[in-house]
Amino acid sequence: MDSSSTLIFTICAFALGIALIMGKNSVPPPLKRWMALTAIVMILISFFLIVISFINMGS
């Protein structure tokens, strides 16, 4: 797996999470719930990809 794509996805996932935290008062409540769930899923996937890249680093 290409490490640059993992890095870009991780940066985007954390940027989305930070943007939601910073602008939490300006997002409507129904949209806020789905965007927060999407950000959580993306951050969990990025952590999984980071762990996989560390595992593959040794081989």
PDB file of N, CA and C in Angstrom:
ATOM      1  N   MET A   1       0.834  -1.169   0.000  1.00  0.00           N
ATOM      2  CA  MET A   1       0.000   0.000   0.000  1.00  0.00           C
ATOM      3  C   MET A   1       0.889   1.247   0.000  1.00  0.00           C
ATOM      4  N   ASP A   2       0.461   2.237  -0.719  1.00  0.00           N
ATOM      5  CA  ASP A   2       1.226   3.468  -0.845  1.00  0.00           C
ATOM      6  C   ASP A   2       1.121   4.281   0.436  1.00  0.00           C
ATOM      7  N   SER A   3       2.253   4.653   0.999  1.00  0.00           N
ATOM      8  CA  SER A   3       2.238   5.377   2.273  1.00  0.00           C
ATOM      9  C   SER A   3       1.754   6.811   2.109  1.00  0.00           C
ATOM     10  N   SER A   4       1.925   7.388   0.935  1.00  0.00           N
ATOM     11  CA  SER A   4       1.473   8.770   0.752  1.00  0.00           C
ATOM     12  C   SER A   4      -0.048   8.861   0.767  1.00  0.00           C
ATOM     13  N   SER A   5      -0.736   7.871   0.223  1.00  0.00           N
ATOM     14  CA  SER A   5      -2.196   7.904   0.257  1.00  0.00           C
ATOM     15  C   SER A   5      -2.711   7.711   1.679  1.00  0.00           C
ATOM     16  N   THR A   6      -2.031   6.879   2.471  1.00  0.00           N
ATOM     17  CA  THR A   6      -2.406   6.715   3.873  1.00  0.00           C
ATOM     18  C   THR A   6      -2.207   8.012   4.637  1.00  0.00           C
ATOM     19  N   LEU A   7      -1.111   8.693   4.373  1.00  0.00           N
ATOM     20  CA  LEU A   7      -0.832   9.964   5.043  1.00  0.00           C
ATOM     21  C   LEU A   7      -1.861  11.018   4.661  1.00  0.00           C
ATOM     22  N   ILE A   8      -2.213  11.108   3.399  1.00  0.00           N
ATOM     23  CA  ILE A   8      -3.196  12.088   2.946  1.00  0.00           C
ATOM     24  C   ILE A   8      -4.566  11.806   3.562  1.00  0.00           C
ATOM     25  N   PHE A   9      -4.974  10.526   3.605  1.00  0.00           N
ATOM     26  CA  PHE A   9      -6.252  10.167   4.208  1.00  0.00           C
ATOM     27  C   PHE A   9      -6.269  10.499   5.693  1.00  0.00           C
ATOM     28  N   THR A  10      -5.164  10.240   6.386  1.00  0.00           N
ATOM     29  CA  THR A  10      -5.086  10.521   7.818  1.00  0.00           C
ATOM     30  C   THR A  10      -5.187  12.021   8.073  1.00  0.00           C
ATOM     31  N   ILE A  11      -4.482  12.815   7.293  1.00  0.00           N
ATOM     32  CA  ILE A  11      -4.545  14.271   7.456  1.00  0.00           C
ATOM     33  C   ILE A  11      -5.954  14.780   7.180  1.00  0.00           C
ATOM     34  N   CYS A  12      -6.600  14.262   6.154  1.00  0.00           N
ATOM     35  CA  CYS A  12      -7.964  14.693   5.837  1.00  0.00           C
ATOM     36  C   CYS A  12      -8.954  14.294   6.928  1.00  0.00           C
ATOM     37  N   ALA A  13      -8.802  13.099   7.477  1.00  0.00           N
ATOM     38  CA  ALA A  13      -9.710  12.636   8.526  1.00  0.00           C
ATOM     39  C   ALA A  13      -9.574  13.501   9.774  1.00  0.00           C
ATOM     40  N   PHE A  14      -8.341  13.785  10.181  1.00  0.00           N
ATOM     41  CA  PHE A  14      -8.146  14.617  11.364  1.00  0.00           C
ATOM     42  C   PHE A  14      -8.554  16.066  11.101  1.00  0.00           C
ATOM     43  N   ALA A  15      -8.363  16.551   9.879  1.00  0.00           N
ATOM     44  CA  ALA A  15      -8.790  17.913   9.545  1.00  0.00           C
ATOM     45  C   ALA A  15     -10.314  18.027   9.606  1.00  0.00           C
ATOM     46  N   LEU A  16     -11.023  16.995   9.151  1.00  0.00           N
ATOM     47  CA  LEU A  16     -12.481  17.002   9.244  1.00  0.00           C
ATOM     48  C   LEU A  16     -12.922  16.998  10.696  1.00  0.00           C
ATOM     49  N   GLY A  17     -12.270  16.182  11.521  1.00  0.00           N
ATOM     50  CA  GLY A  17     -12.607  16.150  12.939  1.00  0.00           C
ATOM     51  C   GLY A  17     -12.354  17.480  13.613  1.00  0.00           C
ATOM     52  N   ILE A  18     -11.233  18.111  13.321  1.00  0.00           N
ATOM     53  CA  ILE A  18     -10.909  19.405  13.917  1.00  0.00           C
ATOM     54  C   ILE A  18     -11.874  20.487  13.422  1.00  0.00           C
ATOM     55  N   ALA A  19     -12.223  20.437  12.140  1.00  0.00           N
ATOM     56  CA  ALA A  19     -13.163  21.425  11.598  1.00  0.00           C
ATOM     57  C   ALA A  19     -14.535  21.290  12.252  1.00  0.00           C
ATOM     58  N   LEU A  20     -14.956  20.069  12.525  1.00  0.00           N
ATOM     59  CA  LEU A  20     -16.238  19.878  13.191  1.00  0.00           C
ATOM     60  C   LEU A  20     -16.199  20.371  14.633  1.00  0.00           C
ATOM     61  N   ILE A  21     -15.090  20.153  15.306  1.00  0.00           N
ATOM     62  CA  ILE A  21     -14.969  20.622  16.685  1.00  0.00           C
ATOM     63  C   ILE A  21     -14.935  22.152  16.725  1.00  0.00           C
ATOM     64  N   MET A  22     -14.193  22.762  15.813  1.00  0.00           N
ATOM     65  CA  MET A  22     -14.066  24.220  15.813  1.00  0.00           C
ATOM     66  C   MET A  22     -15.380  24.907  15.411  1.00  0.00           C
ATOM     67  N   GLY A  23     -16.127  24.311  14.480  1.00  0.00           N
ATOM     68  CA  GLY A  23     -17.353  24.949  14.007  1.00  0.00           C
ATOM     69  C   GLY A  23     -18.608  24.270  14.496  1.00  0.00           C
ATOM     70  N   LYS A  24     -18.575  23.734  15.704  1.00  0.00           N
ATOM     71  CA  LYS A  24     -19.710  22.951  16.193  1.00  0.00           C
ATOM     72  C   LYS A  24     -20.965  23.787  16.406  1.00  0.00           C
ATOM     73  N   ASN A  25     -20.833  25.075  16.592  1.00  0.00           N
ATOM     74  CA  ASN A  25     -22.014  25.918  16.817  1.00  0.00           C
ATOM     75  C   ASN A  25     -22.674  26.356  15.519  1.00  0.00           C
ATOM     76  N   SER A  26     -21.976  26.272  14.406  1.00  0.00           N
ATOM     77  CA  SER A  26     -22.533  26.767  13.151  1.00  0.00           C
ATOM     78  C   SER A  26     -23.161  25.662  12.293  1.00  0.00           C
ATOM     79  N   VAL A  27     -23.006  24.404  12.698  1.00  0.00           N
ATOM     80  CA  VAL A  27     -23.563  23.284  11.929  1.00  0.00           C
ATOM     81  C   VAL A  27     -24.931  22.932  12.521  1.00  0.00           C
ATOM     82  N   PRO A  28     -25.969  22.751  11.673  1.00  0.00           N
ATOM     83  CA  PRO A  28     -27.285  22.369  12.191  1.00  0.00           C
ATOM     84  C   PRO A  28     -27.242  20.990  12.872  1.00  0.00           C
ATOM     85  N   PRO A  29     -28.040  20.780  13.918  1.00  0.00           N
ATOM     86  CA  PRO A  29     -27.980  19.529  14.689  1.00  0.00           C
ATOM     87  C   PRO A  29     -28.173  18.239  13.887  1.00  0.00           C
ATOM     88  N   PRO A  30     -29.136  18.140  12.949  1.00  0.00           N
ATOM     89  CA  PRO A  30     -29.245  16.868  12.225  1.00  0.00           C
ATOM     90  C   PRO A  30     -28.015  16.559  11.369  1.00  0.00           C
ATOM     91  N   LEU A  31     -27.445  17.598  10.781  1.00  0.00           N
ATOM     92  CA  LEU A  31     -26.252  17.414   9.959  1.00  0.00           C
ATOM     93  C   LEU A  31     -25.035  17.144  10.830  1.00  0.00           C
ATOM     94  N   LYS A  32     -25.022  17.735  12.015  1.00  0.00           N
ATOM     95  CA  LYS A  32     -23.892  17.581  12.930  1.00  0.00           C
ATOM     96  C   LYS A  32     -23.702  16.125  13.331  1.00  0.00           C
ATOM     97  N   ARG A  33     -24.807  15.412  13.589  1.00  0.00           N
ATOM     98  CA  ARG A  33     -24.721  14.012  14.009  1.00  0.00           C
ATOM     99  C   ARG A  33     -24.087  13.152  12.920  1.00  0.00           C
ATOM    100  N   TRP A  34     -24.527  13.305  11.678  1.00  0.00           N
ATOM    101  CA  TRP A  34     -24.002  12.476  10.592  1.00  0.00           C
ATOM    102  C   TRP A  34     -22.573  12.847  10.237  1.00  0.00           C
ATOM    103  N   MET A  35     -22.258  14.115  10.306  1.00  0.00           N
ATOM    104  CA  MET A  35     -20.876  14.516  10.035  1.00  0.00           C
ATOM    105  C   MET A  35     -19.938  14.026  11.129  1.00  0.00           C
ATOM    106  N   ALA A  36     -20.401  14.028  12.375  1.00  0.00           N
ATOM    107  CA  ALA A  36     -19.583  13.526  13.475  1.00  0.00           C
ATOM    108  C   ALA A  36     -19.362  12.018  13.339  1.00  0.00           C
ATOM    109  N   LEU A  37     -20.400  11.287  12.975  1.00  0.00           N
ATOM    110  CA  LEU A  37     -20.239   9.841  12.766  1.00  0.00           C
ATOM    111  C   LEU A  37     -19.282   9.550  11.613  1.00  0.00           C
ATOM    112  N   THR A  38     -19.383  10.328  10.547  1.00  0.00           N
ATOM    113  CA  THR A  38     -18.471  10.157   9.413  1.00  0.00           C
ATOM    114  C   THR A  38     -17.034  10.448   9.821  1.00  0.00           C
ATOM    115  N   ALA A  39     -16.837  11.501  10.604  1.00  0.00           N
ATOM    116  CA  ALA A  39     -15.488  11.837  11.057  1.00  0.00           C
ATOM    117  C   ALA A  39     -14.922  10.755  11.968  1.00  0.00           C
ATOM    118  N   ILE A  40     -15.741  10.219  12.857  1.00  0.00           N
ATOM    119  CA  ILE A  40     -15.281   9.145  13.751  1.00  0.00           C
ATOM    120  C   ILE A  40     -14.883   7.917  12.964  1.00  0.00           C
ATOM    121  N   VAL A  41     -15.692   7.538  11.992  1.00  0.00           N
ATOM    122  CA  VAL A  41     -15.375   6.367  11.166  1.00  0.00           C
ATOM    123  C   VAL A  41     -14.087   6.599  10.384  1.00  0.00           C
ATOM    124  N   MET A  42     -13.932   7.797   9.820  1.00  0.00           N
ATOM    125  CA  MET A  42     -12.716   8.088   9.055  1.00  0.00           C
ATOM    126  C   MET A  42     -11.475   8.076   9.948  1.00  0.00           C
ATOM    127  N   ILE A  43     -11.582   8.589  11.165  1.00  0.00           N
ATOM    128  CA  ILE A  43     -10.446   8.595  12.077  1.00  0.00           C
ATOM    129  C   ILE A  43     -10.100   7.174  12.515  1.00  0.00           C
ATOM    130  N   LEU A  44     -11.115   6.341  12.770  1.00  0.00           N
ATOM    131  CA  LEU A  44     -10.846   4.945  13.121  1.00  0.00           C
ATOM    132  C   LEU A  44     -10.169   4.197  11.971  1.00  0.00           C
ATOM    133  N   ILE A  45     -10.612   4.445  10.759  1.00  0.00           N
ATOM    134  CA  ILE A  45      -9.977   3.812   9.602  1.00  0.00           C
ATOM    135  C   ILE A  45      -8.538   4.288   9.454  1.00  0.00           C
ATOM    136  N   SER A  46      -8.297   5.567   9.706  1.00  0.00           N
ATOM    137  CA  SER A  46      -6.926   6.062   9.583  1.00  0.00           C
ATOM    138  C   SER A  46      -6.020   5.451  10.642  1.00  0.00           C
ATOM    139  N   PHE A  47      -6.514   5.273  11.875  1.00  0.00           N
ATOM    140  CA  PHE A  47      -5.715   4.584  12.882  1.00  0.00           C
ATOM    141  C   PHE A  47      -5.413   3.149  12.461  1.00  0.00           C
ATOM    142  N   PHE A  48      -6.411   2.477  11.890  1.00  0.00           N
ATOM    143  CA  PHE A  48      -6.211   1.116  11.400  1.00  0.00           C
ATOM    144  C   PHE A  48      -5.158   1.088  10.298  1.00  0.00           C
ATOM    145  N   LEU A  49      -5.204   2.050   9.388  1.00  0.00           N
ATOM    146  CA  LEU A  49      -4.212   2.106   8.310  1.00  0.00           C
ATOM    147  C   LEU A  49      -2.813   2.405   8.841  1.00  0.00           C
ATOM    148  N   ILE A  50      -2.725   3.239   9.873  1.00  0.00           N
ATOM    149  CA  ILE A  50      -1.424   3.521  10.477  1.00  0.00           C
ATOM    150  C   ILE A  50      -0.845   2.266  11.111  1.00  0.00           C
ATOM    151  N   VAL A  51      -1.675   1.513  11.820  1.00  0.00           N
ATOM    152  CA  VAL A  51      -1.211   0.267  12.449  1.00  0.00           C
ATOM    153  C   VAL A  51      -0.770  -0.728  11.383  1.00  0.00           C
ATOM    154  N   ILE A  52      -1.535  -0.858  10.316  1.00  0.00           N
ATOM    155  CA  ILE A  52      -1.172  -1.768   9.229  1.00  0.00           C
ATOM    156  C   ILE A  52       0.155  -1.351   8.592  1.00  0.00           C
ATOM    157  N   SER A  53       0.365  -0.042   8.417  1.00  0.00           N
ATOM    158  CA  SER A  53       1.619   0.403   7.822  1.00  0.00           C
ATOM    159  C   SER A  53       2.804   0.135   8.754  1.00  0.00           C
ATOM    160  N   PHE A  54       2.594   0.250  10.082  1.00  0.00           N
ATOM    161  CA  PHE A  54       3.666  -0.102  11.021  1.00  0.00           C
ATOM    162  C   PHE A  54       3.969  -1.579  10.991  1.00  0.00           C
ATOM    163  N   ILE A  55       2.946  -2.408  10.850  1.00  0.00           N
ATOM    164  CA  ILE A  55       3.159  -3.856  10.770  1.00  0.00           C
ATOM    165  C   ILE A  55       3.921  -4.216   9.494  1.00  0.00           C
ATOM    166  N   ASN A  56       3.559  -3.588   8.388  1.00  0.00           N
ATOM    167  CA  ASN A  56       4.201  -3.889   7.121  1.00  0.00           C
ATOM    168  C   ASN A  56       5.588  -3.264   6.995  1.00  0.00           C
ATOM    169  N   MET A  57       5.915  -2.325   7.880  1.00  0.00           N
ATOM    170  CA  MET A  57       7.209  -1.673   7.828  1.00  0.00           C
ATOM    171  C   MET A  57       8.331  -2.660   8.135  1.00  0.00           C
ATOM    172  N   GLY A  58       8.081  -3.625   8.997  1.00  0.00           N
ATOM    173  CA  GLY A  58       9.109  -4.577   9.388  1.00  0.00           C
ATOM    174  C   GLY A  58       9.385  -5.632   8.344  1.00  0.00           C
ATOM    175  N   SER A  59       8.486  -5.834   7.404  1.00  0.00           N
ATOM    176  CA  SER A  59       8.704  -6.913   6.426  1.00  0.00           C
ATOM    177  C   SER A  59       9.312  -6.419   5.133  1.00  0.00           C
TER     178      SER A  59
END
